[in-house]
Each structure stands twice: as structure tokens, then as C-alpha cells.
Amino acid sequence: MAAFREANRIKLPGWHHAPVPSFGASDASVLVVGLAPGLRGANRTGRPFTGDFAGDILYEALAAHGLAEGVYRADPSDGFRLLDARVTNAARCVPPENKPTPAEVATCRRFLMDELTMPPRPKVVLALGRIAHESTLRGFGCRPSDFPFGHATVHRIDDATSLVSSYHTSRYNIQTGRLTRAMFDQVMAKVAALRLQAG
């Protein structure tokens, strides 16, 4: 991952090419966990899910359910704001072929653990994809086998936090029909409802 990042700094100067920080307030009730920065998305712009197709789907849904405001233009200076939501990734740097290795995800998990466990903890975590789902569970100190991944599943981690899981909002998943906008809207509706129930 580090070698890939350094090679891209030479090949594509002027891009972010560094660990991508989380987007949104640190005391947000909702935390969205993705896989990793996209090469031409967050790796370019420096903001999670910004500049690629997956972000178009994610941020549209967050805004539709009152968790964001403004006009999303895939640019960190677009003025788009998250409302009681925060977005991060299981891996903080762009991986080759958009596929972080298990070791890379494990190395980055200490940063994810801070997002999950530092007070005030999120009330709802939305994991996009199996890798984000399992890394989130390990970040909470849970065994993934006790909380199996499934689209639109809801797991109660403890009295403080619920985990909602979804297929990733990647272009591939949308184009193949594995995930539709309507399916993702239903997942986001669950997230919004759980947020309100948690108070």
C-alpha cells in the first residue's frame, strides 16, 4: 500500500496521496465505515467518498435522510456538510486494485477503533461491505462469526451502539444490480430510525 501510494505521488502529482481523515464531527451519532479511499476519489480529493461513484450514492442518501445538507459536488470545497454523521474507512490509504490486504486493514484498525470507542461513541454504525463490517466488529472487540454479514442486517453491539450493514455503494454493485438505490435508501432509513430511537 505504501509503495503504491508513493508511485502515485510521482505519477499523479497534486493529488492527496496520504491517509484520508474522517469527514464529519467527532461526536456524531452515526458513523459510516467504508472500505478504503478510491484512487480517483478520496485519494485525489482528501475527503472520504468524494470524487467517485460510491460517494454520489452515499451522500445523496445521507442528505435524503436528514444526515447532510448542501449541494454535493464531489469537491471538498463544495460546502456540503454532514449533520450528526461522520464518514471514515476501514483502510485509510488507497490500496492497489482497491483491495486492501487483511494485514493492511488490521494495521489501520487502531484508527477505526478510535472512531468506534472514543467517547461519545456513535449510536449507529453503518458498515459498507463485508470487510468494513468485520473490521468494525473487531474494533469493538467482537467476533465476526457472532454477527454475520448480510445486506440490511441490524446487530445490537451493546446498550450503546447498533451496527447496520449494507452492500458497498460501489459502481460495480450498482451496475450489476447487487445493490440498487432503493435498497440503499431502505438501509439508510433504518440508520435514521435507529439514530432517533437512541435519542
N, C-alpha and C. Protein backbone atom coordinates (compact mmCIF):
# COMPACT_ATOMS: atom_id res chain seq x y z
N MET A 1 0.83 -1.20 0.00
CA MET A 1 0.00 0.00 0.00
C MET A 1 0.87 1.26 0.00
N ALA A 2 1.91 1.28 0.83
CA ALA A 2 2.79 2.44 0.90
C ALA A 2 3.53 2.65 -0.41
N ALA A 3 4.02 1.56 -1.01
CA ALA A 3 4.73 1.66 -2.28
C ALA A 3 3.80 2.15 -3.39
N PHE A 4 2.56 1.66 -3.38
CA PHE A 4 1.57 2.09 -4.36
C PHE A 4 1.30 3.59 -4.23
N ARG A 5 1.17 4.05 -2.99
CA ARG A 5 0.93 5.47 -2.73
C ARG A 5 2.09 6.32 -3.23
N GLU A 6 3.32 5.89 -2.95
CA GLU A 6 4.48 6.65 -3.38
C GLU A 6 4.59 6.70 -4.90
N ALA A 7 4.30 5.59 -5.56
CA ALA A 7 4.34 5.57 -7.02
C ALA A 7 3.31 6.53 -7.61
N ASN A 8 2.15 6.61 -6.99
CA ASN A 8 1.10 7.51 -7.48
C ASN A 8 1.44 8.98 -7.23
N ARG A 9 2.23 9.26 -6.20
CA ARG A 9 2.66 10.64 -5.97
C ARG A 9 3.50 11.15 -7.13
N ILE A 10 4.27 10.26 -7.72
CA ILE A 10 5.08 10.62 -8.88
C ILE A 10 4.23 10.67 -10.14
N LYS A 11 3.36 9.69 -10.28
CA LYS A 11 2.54 9.57 -11.48
C LYS A 11 1.44 10.62 -11.55
N LEU A 12 0.86 10.95 -10.40
CA LEU A 12 -0.29 11.86 -10.35
C LEU A 12 -0.02 12.98 -9.35
N PRO A 13 0.87 13.90 -9.65
CA PRO A 13 1.20 14.98 -8.70
C PRO A 13 0.01 15.90 -8.45
N GLY A 14 -0.02 16.46 -7.24
CA GLY A 14 -1.09 17.39 -6.90
C GLY A 14 -2.29 16.74 -6.23
N TRP A 15 -2.31 15.40 -6.18
CA TRP A 15 -3.40 14.71 -5.51
C TRP A 15 -3.06 14.54 -4.03
N HIS A 16 -3.99 14.08 -3.25
CA HIS A 16 -3.82 13.95 -1.80
C HIS A 16 -2.74 12.92 -1.45
N HIS A 17 -2.86 11.70 -1.95
CA HIS A 17 -1.86 10.64 -1.77
C HIS A 17 -1.37 10.51 -0.32
N ALA A 18 -2.28 10.42 0.62
CA ALA A 18 -1.93 10.31 2.03
C ALA A 18 -3.10 9.69 2.77
N PRO A 19 -2.91 9.32 4.04
CA PRO A 19 -4.07 8.83 4.80
C PRO A 19 -5.20 9.85 4.75
N VAL A 20 -6.41 9.37 4.50
CA VAL A 20 -7.57 10.27 4.36
C VAL A 20 -8.27 10.39 5.70
N PRO A 21 -8.36 11.60 6.25
CA PRO A 21 -9.02 11.77 7.54
C PRO A 21 -10.53 11.58 7.43
N SER A 22 -11.15 11.33 8.55
CA SER A 22 -12.61 11.17 8.59
C SER A 22 -13.28 12.50 8.27
N PHE A 23 -14.50 12.44 7.82
CA PHE A 23 -15.29 13.61 7.44
C PHE A 23 -16.51 13.68 8.35
N GLY A 24 -16.73 14.82 9.00
CA GLY A 24 -17.86 14.99 9.90
C GLY A 24 -17.39 15.17 11.33
N ALA A 25 -18.30 15.62 12.19
CA ALA A 25 -17.98 15.91 13.59
C ALA A 25 -17.63 14.63 14.35
N SER A 26 -16.68 14.74 15.25
CA SER A 26 -16.22 13.56 16.01
C SER A 26 -17.26 13.08 17.02
N ASP A 27 -18.25 13.90 17.35
CA ASP A 27 -19.28 13.49 18.29
C ASP A 27 -20.58 13.08 17.59
N ALA A 28 -20.50 12.76 16.31
CA ALA A 28 -21.70 12.39 15.55
C ALA A 28 -22.31 11.10 16.05
N SER A 29 -23.62 10.99 15.95
CA SER A 29 -24.34 9.79 16.38
C SER A 29 -24.21 8.65 15.39
N VAL A 30 -24.01 8.99 14.10
CA VAL A 30 -23.93 7.99 13.03
C VAL A 30 -22.52 7.99 12.46
N LEU A 31 -21.93 6.80 12.39
CA LEU A 31 -20.62 6.64 11.77
C LEU A 31 -20.76 5.69 10.59
N VAL A 32 -20.34 6.14 9.41
CA VAL A 32 -20.33 5.30 8.21
C VAL A 32 -18.91 4.81 8.00
N VAL A 33 -18.76 3.49 7.84
CA VAL A 33 -17.44 2.90 7.62
C VAL A 33 -17.40 2.26 6.24
N GLY A 34 -16.54 2.79 5.38
CA GLY A 34 -16.35 2.23 4.05
C GLY A 34 -15.14 1.32 4.00
N LEU A 35 -14.74 0.96 2.81
CA LEU A 35 -13.61 0.05 2.63
C LEU A 35 -12.28 0.79 2.69
N ALA A 36 -12.04 1.66 1.70
CA ALA A 36 -10.76 2.36 1.57
C ALA A 36 -10.94 3.53 0.61
N PRO A 37 -10.04 4.50 0.63
CA PRO A 37 -10.12 5.60 -0.34
C PRO A 37 -9.98 5.08 -1.76
N GLY A 38 -10.79 5.60 -2.66
CA GLY A 38 -10.68 5.25 -4.06
C GLY A 38 -9.52 6.00 -4.71
N LEU A 39 -8.90 5.41 -5.71
CA LEU A 39 -7.74 6.02 -6.34
C LEU A 39 -8.05 7.42 -6.87
N ARG A 40 -9.15 7.54 -7.61
CA ARG A 40 -9.51 8.84 -8.18
C ARG A 40 -10.58 9.56 -7.37
N GLY A 41 -10.92 8.98 -6.24
CA GLY A 41 -11.88 9.61 -5.33
C GLY A 41 -11.15 10.27 -4.19
N ALA A 42 -11.26 9.68 -3.00
CA ALA A 42 -10.68 10.29 -1.80
C ALA A 42 -9.16 10.39 -1.89
N ASN A 43 -8.50 9.49 -2.58
CA ASN A 43 -7.06 9.61 -2.74
C ASN A 43 -6.68 10.87 -3.51
N ARG A 44 -7.59 11.32 -4.35
CA ARG A 44 -7.36 12.56 -5.10
C ARG A 44 -7.78 13.79 -4.31
N THR A 45 -8.97 13.69 -3.68
CA THR A 45 -9.57 14.87 -3.06
C THR A 45 -9.24 15.04 -1.58
N GLY A 46 -8.90 13.95 -0.89
CA GLY A 46 -8.61 14.04 0.54
C GLY A 46 -9.82 14.02 1.44
N ARG A 47 -11.02 13.74 0.89
CA ARG A 47 -12.23 13.62 1.70
C ARG A 47 -12.88 12.28 1.39
N PRO A 48 -13.27 11.50 2.40
CA PRO A 48 -13.84 10.18 2.15
C PRO A 48 -15.00 10.20 1.17
N PHE A 49 -15.01 9.23 0.26
CA PHE A 49 -16.11 9.04 -0.69
C PHE A 49 -16.35 10.28 -1.57
N THR A 50 -15.34 11.08 -1.76
CA THR A 50 -15.52 12.31 -2.53
C THR A 50 -14.75 12.23 -3.84
N GLY A 51 -15.49 12.24 -4.94
CA GLY A 51 -14.87 12.21 -6.25
C GLY A 51 -15.06 10.90 -6.98
N ASP A 52 -15.82 9.97 -6.40
CA ASP A 52 -16.09 8.72 -7.10
C ASP A 52 -17.57 8.36 -7.01
N PHE A 53 -17.96 7.36 -7.77
CA PHE A 53 -19.37 6.99 -7.90
C PHE A 53 -19.97 6.59 -6.55
N ALA A 54 -19.21 5.86 -5.74
CA ALA A 54 -19.72 5.39 -4.44
C ALA A 54 -20.16 6.56 -3.58
N GLY A 55 -19.43 7.66 -3.66
CA GLY A 55 -19.79 8.85 -2.88
C GLY A 55 -21.07 9.50 -3.37
N ASP A 56 -21.29 9.46 -4.68
CA ASP A 56 -22.54 10.02 -5.21
C ASP A 56 -23.74 9.34 -4.55
N ILE A 57 -23.68 8.02 -4.45
CA ILE A 57 -24.78 7.25 -3.87
C ILE A 57 -24.89 7.50 -2.38
N LEU A 58 -23.75 7.44 -1.68
CA LEU A 58 -23.75 7.60 -0.23
C LEU A 58 -24.25 8.98 0.19
N TYR A 59 -23.68 10.02 -0.36
CA TYR A 59 -24.02 11.36 0.11
C TYR A 59 -25.43 11.78 -0.30
N GLU A 60 -25.91 11.29 -1.43
CA GLU A 60 -27.30 11.53 -1.81
C GLU A 60 -28.24 10.94 -0.77
N ALA A 61 -27.95 9.72 -0.32
CA ALA A 61 -28.80 9.05 0.67
C ALA A 61 -28.71 9.73 2.04
N LEU A 62 -27.52 10.14 2.44
CA LEU A 62 -27.38 10.83 3.73
C LEU A 62 -28.20 12.11 3.73
N ALA A 63 -28.14 12.87 2.63
CA ALA A 63 -28.92 14.11 2.55
C ALA A 63 -30.41 13.83 2.55
N ALA A 64 -30.83 12.78 1.86
CA ALA A 64 -32.26 12.45 1.77
C ALA A 64 -32.85 12.10 3.13
N HIS A 65 -32.00 11.64 4.05
CA HIS A 65 -32.49 11.23 5.37
C HIS A 65 -32.06 12.18 6.48
N GLY A 66 -31.78 13.42 6.10
CA GLY A 66 -31.52 14.46 7.09
C GLY A 66 -30.17 14.38 7.77
N LEU A 67 -29.24 13.64 7.18
CA LEU A 67 -27.91 13.50 7.80
C LEU A 67 -26.84 14.31 7.08
N ALA A 68 -27.26 15.13 6.13
CA ALA A 68 -26.34 16.01 5.42
C ALA A 68 -27.14 17.15 4.81
N GLU A 69 -26.45 18.25 4.51
CA GLU A 69 -27.11 19.38 3.86
C GLU A 69 -26.14 20.06 2.90
N GLY A 70 -26.70 20.76 1.94
CA GLY A 70 -25.90 21.43 0.94
C GLY A 70 -25.91 20.66 -0.36
N VAL A 71 -25.16 21.15 -1.32
CA VAL A 71 -25.08 20.51 -2.63
C VAL A 71 -23.74 19.79 -2.73
N TYR A 72 -23.81 18.48 -2.91
CA TYR A 72 -22.59 17.68 -3.04
C TYR A 72 -22.08 17.80 -4.47
N ARG A 73 -20.86 18.30 -4.61
CA ARG A 73 -20.26 18.47 -5.94
C ARG A 73 -18.95 17.69 -6.07
N ALA A 74 -18.75 16.70 -5.20
CA ALA A 74 -17.56 15.86 -5.29
C ALA A 74 -16.28 16.66 -5.16
N ASP A 75 -16.32 17.71 -4.36
CA ASP A 75 -15.17 18.59 -4.14
C ASP A 75 -15.17 18.98 -2.67
N PRO A 76 -14.06 18.83 -1.95
CA PRO A 76 -14.04 19.18 -0.53
C PRO A 76 -14.41 20.62 -0.22
N SER A 77 -14.33 21.49 -1.22
CA SER A 77 -14.71 22.89 -1.00
C SER A 77 -16.14 23.19 -1.45
N ASP A 78 -16.96 22.13 -1.63
CA ASP A 78 -18.32 22.34 -2.12
C ASP A 78 -19.29 22.85 -1.06
N GLY A 79 -18.87 22.89 0.19
CA GLY A 79 -19.75 23.36 1.26
C GLY A 79 -20.71 22.32 1.77
N PHE A 80 -20.65 21.12 1.24
CA PHE A 80 -21.52 20.03 1.69
C PHE A 80 -21.17 19.67 3.13
N ARG A 81 -22.19 19.57 3.99
CA ARG A 81 -21.95 19.32 5.41
C ARG A 81 -22.72 18.09 5.89
N LEU A 82 -22.09 17.35 6.76
CA LEU A 82 -22.77 16.23 7.41
C LEU A 82 -23.42 16.73 8.69
N LEU A 83 -24.60 16.17 8.99
CA LEU A 83 -25.35 16.55 10.18
C LEU A 83 -25.48 15.35 11.10
N ASP A 84 -24.77 15.37 12.21
CA ASP A 84 -24.78 14.27 13.17
C ASP A 84 -24.34 12.96 12.52
N ALA A 85 -23.45 13.06 11.52
CA ALA A 85 -22.91 11.88 10.84
C ALA A 85 -21.43 12.10 10.57
N ARG A 86 -20.71 11.01 10.45
CA ARG A 86 -19.27 11.04 10.20
C ARG A 86 -18.95 9.88 9.26
N VAL A 87 -18.01 10.07 8.36
CA VAL A 87 -17.65 9.06 7.37
C VAL A 87 -16.16 8.75 7.47
N THR A 88 -15.83 7.46 7.51
CA THR A 88 -14.45 7.02 7.59
C THR A 88 -14.29 5.75 6.76
N ASN A 89 -13.11 5.12 6.83
CA ASN A 89 -12.86 3.89 6.09
C ASN A 89 -12.11 2.89 6.95
N ALA A 90 -12.25 1.61 6.61
CA ALA A 90 -11.51 0.57 7.31
C ALA A 90 -10.02 0.70 7.04
N ALA A 91 -9.65 1.07 5.82
CA ALA A 91 -8.25 1.36 5.47
C ALA A 91 -8.15 2.83 5.13
N ARG A 92 -7.10 3.48 5.60
CA ARG A 92 -7.01 4.94 5.47
C ARG A 92 -6.32 5.41 4.21
N CYS A 93 -5.58 4.53 3.53
CA CYS A 93 -4.88 4.91 2.30
C CYS A 93 -5.38 4.07 1.14
N VAL A 94 -5.20 4.58 -0.07
CA VAL A 94 -5.66 3.86 -1.25
C VAL A 94 -4.83 2.58 -1.44
N PRO A 95 -5.48 1.44 -1.62
CA PRO A 95 -4.75 0.18 -1.85
C PRO A 95 -4.70 -0.15 -3.34
N PRO A 96 -3.72 -0.95 -3.76
CA PRO A 96 -3.71 -1.40 -5.16
C PRO A 96 -4.99 -2.15 -5.50
N GLU A 97 -5.55 -1.86 -6.67
CA GLU A 97 -6.76 -2.51 -7.17
C GLU A 97 -7.94 -2.37 -6.22
N ASN A 98 -7.91 -1.37 -5.35
CA ASN A 98 -8.99 -1.12 -4.40
C ASN A 98 -9.25 -2.30 -3.49
N LYS A 99 -8.19 -3.08 -3.21
CA LYS A 99 -8.33 -4.28 -2.38
C LYS A 99 -7.26 -4.29 -1.29
N PRO A 100 -7.54 -3.72 -0.14
CA PRO A 100 -6.56 -3.78 0.94
C PRO A 100 -6.38 -5.22 1.42
N THR A 101 -5.16 -5.57 1.79
CA THR A 101 -4.91 -6.90 2.31
C THR A 101 -5.43 -6.98 3.75
N PRO A 102 -5.68 -8.19 4.26
CA PRO A 102 -6.08 -8.32 5.67
C PRO A 102 -5.09 -7.65 6.62
N ALA A 103 -3.80 -7.75 6.31
CA ALA A 103 -2.78 -7.12 7.17
C ALA A 103 -2.91 -5.60 7.14
N GLU A 104 -3.20 -5.03 5.98
CA GLU A 104 -3.35 -3.57 5.88
C GLU A 104 -4.58 -3.11 6.64
N VAL A 105 -5.67 -3.84 6.54
CA VAL A 105 -6.88 -3.49 7.29
C VAL A 105 -6.61 -3.58 8.79
N ALA A 106 -5.90 -4.62 9.19
CA ALA A 106 -5.58 -4.79 10.62
C ALA A 106 -4.69 -3.66 11.12
N THR A 107 -3.73 -3.24 10.30
CA THR A 107 -2.84 -2.15 10.70
C THR A 107 -3.62 -0.85 10.89
N CYS A 108 -4.59 -0.61 10.02
CA CYS A 108 -5.39 0.62 10.10
C CYS A 108 -6.46 0.56 11.19
N ARG A 109 -6.68 -0.62 11.76
CA ARG A 109 -7.81 -0.77 12.67
C ARG A 109 -7.68 0.10 13.92
N ARG A 110 -6.47 0.41 14.34
CA ARG A 110 -6.33 1.24 15.54
C ARG A 110 -6.97 2.61 15.34
N PHE A 111 -6.94 3.11 14.10
CA PHE A 111 -7.59 4.39 13.82
C PHE A 111 -9.10 4.23 13.84
N LEU A 112 -9.58 3.12 13.30
CA LEU A 112 -11.02 2.85 13.32
C LEU A 112 -11.50 2.65 14.75
N MET A 113 -10.70 2.00 15.58
CA MET A 113 -11.09 1.78 16.97
C MET A 113 -11.31 3.10 17.70
N ASP A 114 -10.49 4.09 17.39
CA ASP A 114 -10.70 5.41 18.00
C ASP A 114 -12.06 5.96 17.61
N GLU A 115 -12.42 5.80 16.34
CA GLU A 115 -13.73 6.29 15.87
C GLU A 115 -14.87 5.57 16.57
N LEU A 116 -14.67 4.29 16.85
CA LEU A 116 -15.75 3.47 17.42
C LEU A 116 -15.88 3.60 18.93
N THR A 117 -14.77 3.79 19.63
CA THR A 117 -14.80 3.66 21.09
C THR A 117 -14.51 4.93 21.87
N MET A 118 -13.95 5.95 21.23
CA MET A 118 -13.69 7.19 21.96
C MET A 118 -15.01 7.90 22.26
N PRO A 119 -15.22 8.33 23.50
CA PRO A 119 -16.49 9.00 23.82
C PRO A 119 -16.58 10.37 23.15
N PRO A 120 -17.82 10.77 22.77
CA PRO A 120 -19.04 9.96 22.84
C PRO A 120 -19.09 8.96 21.68
N ARG A 121 -19.36 7.71 21.98
CA ARG A 121 -19.40 6.68 20.96
C ARG A 121 -20.57 6.89 20.00
N PRO A 122 -20.41 6.45 18.74
CA PRO A 122 -21.54 6.53 17.82
C PRO A 122 -22.68 5.63 18.28
N LYS A 123 -23.90 6.06 18.02
CA LYS A 123 -25.07 5.26 18.37
C LYS A 123 -25.40 4.23 17.28
N VAL A 124 -25.07 4.60 16.05
CA VAL A 124 -25.32 3.71 14.92
C VAL A 124 -24.08 3.71 14.03
N VAL A 125 -23.61 2.53 13.68
CA VAL A 125 -22.52 2.39 12.72
C VAL A 125 -23.07 1.71 11.48
N LEU A 126 -22.85 2.33 10.32
CA LEU A 126 -23.25 1.75 9.05
C LEU A 126 -21.99 1.24 8.35
N ALA A 127 -21.88 -0.07 8.19
CA ALA A 127 -20.73 -0.68 7.53
C ALA A 127 -21.07 -0.99 6.09
N LEU A 128 -20.24 -0.51 5.17
CA LEU A 128 -20.47 -0.73 3.74
C LEU A 128 -19.56 -1.85 3.25
N GLY A 129 -20.12 -3.02 3.13
CA GLY A 129 -19.37 -4.18 2.66
C GLY A 129 -18.86 -5.06 3.79
N ARG A 130 -18.53 -6.29 3.43
CA ARG A 130 -18.12 -7.29 4.42
C ARG A 130 -16.84 -6.90 5.16
N ILE A 131 -15.86 -6.37 4.44
CA ILE A 131 -14.59 -6.03 5.10
C ILE A 131 -14.81 -4.95 6.15
N ALA A 132 -15.57 -3.92 5.81
CA ALA A 132 -15.87 -2.87 6.79
C ALA A 132 -16.67 -3.43 7.96
N HIS A 133 -17.60 -4.32 7.66
CA HIS A 133 -18.42 -4.96 8.69
C HIS A 133 -17.54 -5.72 9.68
N GLU A 134 -16.65 -6.55 9.16
CA GLU A 134 -15.83 -7.38 10.04
C GLU A 134 -14.77 -6.56 10.77
N SER A 135 -14.21 -5.56 10.12
CA SER A 135 -13.22 -4.73 10.80
C SER A 135 -13.88 -3.91 11.91
N THR A 136 -15.11 -3.47 11.68
CA THR A 136 -15.85 -2.74 12.71
C THR A 136 -16.09 -3.64 13.92
N LEU A 137 -16.51 -4.87 13.68
CA LEU A 137 -16.74 -5.79 14.79
C LEU A 137 -15.46 -6.05 15.57
N ARG A 138 -14.37 -6.26 14.87
CA ARG A 138 -13.09 -6.48 15.57
C ARG A 138 -12.68 -5.23 16.34
N GLY A 139 -13.01 -4.07 15.79
CA GLY A 139 -12.71 -2.82 16.50
C GLY A 139 -13.47 -2.70 17.80
N PHE A 140 -14.65 -3.30 17.85
CA PHE A 140 -15.45 -3.32 19.08
C PHE A 140 -15.05 -4.48 19.99
N GLY A 141 -14.12 -5.32 19.53
CA GLY A 141 -13.72 -6.48 20.32
C GLY A 141 -14.67 -7.65 20.18
N CYS A 142 -15.44 -7.67 19.09
CA CYS A 142 -16.41 -8.75 18.85
C CYS A 142 -15.88 -9.72 17.81
N ARG A 143 -16.40 -10.95 17.83
CA ARG A 143 -16.07 -11.95 16.82
C ARG A 143 -17.05 -11.82 15.65
N PRO A 144 -16.53 -11.63 14.43
CA PRO A 144 -17.44 -11.53 13.28
C PRO A 144 -18.40 -12.70 13.14
N SER A 145 -17.97 -13.89 13.54
CA SER A 145 -18.85 -15.06 13.42
C SER A 145 -20.09 -14.94 14.28
N ASP A 146 -20.04 -14.11 15.30
CA ASP A 146 -21.21 -13.91 16.18
C ASP A 146 -22.20 -12.91 15.59
N PHE A 147 -21.76 -12.15 14.58
CA PHE A 147 -22.59 -11.11 13.97
C PHE A 147 -22.43 -11.21 12.46
N PRO A 148 -23.02 -12.21 11.82
CA PRO A 148 -22.79 -12.44 10.40
C PRO A 148 -23.20 -11.27 9.51
N PHE A 149 -22.41 -11.08 8.46
CA PHE A 149 -22.70 -10.02 7.50
C PHE A 149 -23.88 -10.39 6.62
N GLY A 150 -24.70 -9.42 6.36
CA GLY A 150 -25.80 -9.57 5.41
C GLY A 150 -26.32 -8.19 5.06
N HIS A 151 -26.80 -8.03 3.84
CA HIS A 151 -27.31 -6.72 3.45
C HIS A 151 -28.55 -6.38 4.28
N ALA A 152 -28.56 -5.16 4.81
CA ALA A 152 -29.68 -4.62 5.60
C ALA A 152 -29.85 -5.31 6.95
N THR A 153 -28.82 -6.02 7.41
CA THR A 153 -28.89 -6.61 8.74
C THR A 153 -28.63 -5.55 9.80
N VAL A 154 -29.22 -5.77 10.97
CA VAL A 154 -29.01 -4.89 12.12
C VAL A 154 -28.57 -5.75 13.29
N HIS A 155 -27.44 -5.42 13.88
CA HIS A 155 -26.94 -6.13 15.05
C HIS A 155 -26.78 -5.14 16.20
N ARG A 156 -27.23 -5.57 17.35
CA ARG A 156 -27.03 -4.75 18.55
C ARG A 156 -25.68 -5.14 19.15
N ILE A 157 -24.73 -4.22 19.13
CA ILE A 157 -23.40 -4.50 19.65
C ILE A 157 -23.42 -4.50 21.17
N ASP A 158 -24.07 -3.51 21.74
CA ASP A 158 -24.24 -3.40 23.20
C ASP A 158 -25.34 -2.38 23.45
N ASP A 159 -25.45 -1.93 24.68
CA ASP A 159 -26.52 -0.99 25.00
C ASP A 159 -26.34 0.36 24.32
N ALA A 160 -25.13 0.65 23.86
CA ALA A 160 -24.85 1.97 23.29
C ALA A 160 -24.94 2.03 21.77
N THR A 161 -24.64 0.93 21.09
CA THR A 161 -24.42 1.02 19.64
C THR A 161 -25.07 -0.13 18.87
N SER A 162 -25.66 0.23 17.72
CA SER A 162 -26.18 -0.75 16.76
C SER A 162 -25.31 -0.72 15.51
N LEU A 163 -25.14 -1.88 14.89
CA LEU A 163 -24.40 -1.99 13.63
C LEU A 163 -25.37 -2.36 12.52
N VAL A 164 -25.43 -1.52 11.50
CA VAL A 164 -26.24 -1.78 10.31
C VAL A 164 -25.27 -2.06 9.17
N SER A 165 -25.52 -3.10 8.41
CA SER A 165 -24.60 -3.45 7.33
C SER A 165 -25.31 -3.41 5.98
N SER A 166 -24.52 -3.09 4.96
CA SER A 166 -25.06 -2.96 3.60
C SER A 166 -24.01 -3.39 2.60
N TYR A 167 -24.46 -3.81 1.43
CA TYR A 167 -23.52 -3.93 0.33
C TYR A 167 -22.91 -2.56 0.09
N HIS A 168 -21.68 -2.54 -0.39
CA HIS A 168 -20.99 -1.29 -0.65
C HIS A 168 -21.66 -0.55 -1.81
N THR A 169 -21.59 0.77 -1.78
CA THR A 169 -22.21 1.59 -2.81
C THR A 169 -21.32 1.75 -4.04
N SER A 170 -20.52 0.76 -4.33
CA SER A 170 -19.60 0.82 -5.47
C SER A 170 -20.34 0.82 -6.80
N ARG A 171 -19.67 1.34 -7.81
CA ARG A 171 -20.25 1.34 -9.15
C ARG A 171 -20.57 -0.09 -9.60
N TYR A 172 -19.66 -1.02 -9.30
CA TYR A 172 -19.86 -2.42 -9.70
C TYR A 172 -21.15 -2.97 -9.10
N ASN A 173 -21.37 -2.75 -7.81
CA ASN A 173 -22.58 -3.28 -7.17
C ASN A 173 -23.85 -2.66 -7.74
N ILE A 174 -23.80 -1.37 -8.05
CA ILE A 174 -24.98 -0.71 -8.60
C ILE A 174 -25.22 -1.19 -10.03
N GLN A 175 -24.18 -1.28 -10.83
CA GLN A 175 -24.36 -1.66 -12.23
C GLN A 175 -24.81 -3.11 -12.39
N THR A 176 -24.38 -3.97 -11.49
CA THR A 176 -24.78 -5.38 -11.57
C THR A 176 -26.12 -5.65 -10.90
N GLY A 177 -26.67 -4.65 -10.20
CA GLY A 177 -27.94 -4.83 -9.53
C GLY A 177 -27.85 -5.50 -8.17
N ARG A 178 -26.64 -5.79 -7.75
CA ARG A 178 -26.47 -6.36 -6.40
C ARG A 178 -27.02 -5.40 -5.35
N LEU A 179 -26.82 -4.11 -5.62
CA LEU A 179 -27.37 -3.05 -4.77
C LEU A 179 -28.06 -2.04 -5.67
N THR A 180 -29.28 -1.65 -5.32
CA THR A 180 -29.98 -0.59 -6.04
C THR A 180 -30.10 0.62 -5.14
N ARG A 181 -30.40 1.75 -5.75
CA ARG A 181 -30.59 2.96 -4.94
C ARG A 181 -31.74 2.76 -3.95
N ALA A 182 -32.78 2.08 -4.38
CA ALA A 182 -33.91 1.83 -3.48
C ALA A 182 -33.51 0.96 -2.31
N MET A 183 -32.70 -0.07 -2.58
CA MET A 183 -32.22 -0.94 -1.50
C MET A 183 -31.38 -0.14 -0.49
N PHE A 184 -30.52 0.73 -1.01
CA PHE A 184 -29.67 1.50 -0.11
C PHE A 184 -30.49 2.54 0.65
N ASP A 185 -31.50 3.08 0.01
CA ASP A 185 -32.38 4.04 0.70
C ASP A 185 -33.08 3.36 1.88
N GLN A 186 -33.46 2.11 1.71
CA GLN A 186 -34.09 1.37 2.81
C GLN A 186 -33.12 1.16 3.98
N VAL A 187 -31.86 0.89 3.64
CA VAL A 187 -30.84 0.75 4.69
C VAL A 187 -30.66 2.07 5.43
N MET A 188 -30.58 3.15 4.67
CA MET A 188 -30.38 4.46 5.30
C MET A 188 -31.58 4.85 6.15
N ALA A 189 -32.76 4.42 5.75
CA ALA A 189 -33.95 4.68 6.57
C ALA A 189 -33.83 3.97 7.92
N LYS A 190 -33.29 2.75 7.92
CA LYS A 190 -33.05 2.02 9.18
C LYS A 190 -32.07 2.78 10.06
N VAL A 191 -31.01 3.27 9.44
CA VAL A 191 -29.99 4.03 10.18
C VAL A 191 -30.61 5.27 10.83
N ALA A 192 -31.39 6.00 10.04
CA ALA A 192 -32.02 7.22 10.55
C ALA A 192 -32.99 6.91 11.69
N ALA A 193 -33.75 5.84 11.55
CA ALA A 193 -34.71 5.47 12.60
C ALA A 193 -33.99 5.05 13.87
N LEU A 194 -32.93 4.28 13.76
CA LEU A 194 -32.17 3.86 14.94
C LEU A 194 -31.53 5.05 15.64
N ARG A 195 -31.08 6.00 14.86
CA ARG A 195 -30.50 7.23 15.44
C ARG A 195 -31.52 7.95 16.30
N LEU A 196 -32.74 8.07 15.79
CA LEU A 196 -33.79 8.77 16.55
C LEU A 196 -34.20 7.97 17.78
N GLN A 197 -34.27 6.64 17.64
CA GLN A 197 -34.65 5.81 18.78
C GLN A 197 -33.62 5.90 19.90
N ALA A 198 -32.34 6.07 19.51
CA ALA A 198 -31.28 6.16 20.51
C ALA A 198 -31.29 7.49 21.24
N GLY A 199 -32.03 8.43 20.69
CA GLY A 199 -32.13 9.74 21.35
C GLY A 199 -30.93 10.61 21.13
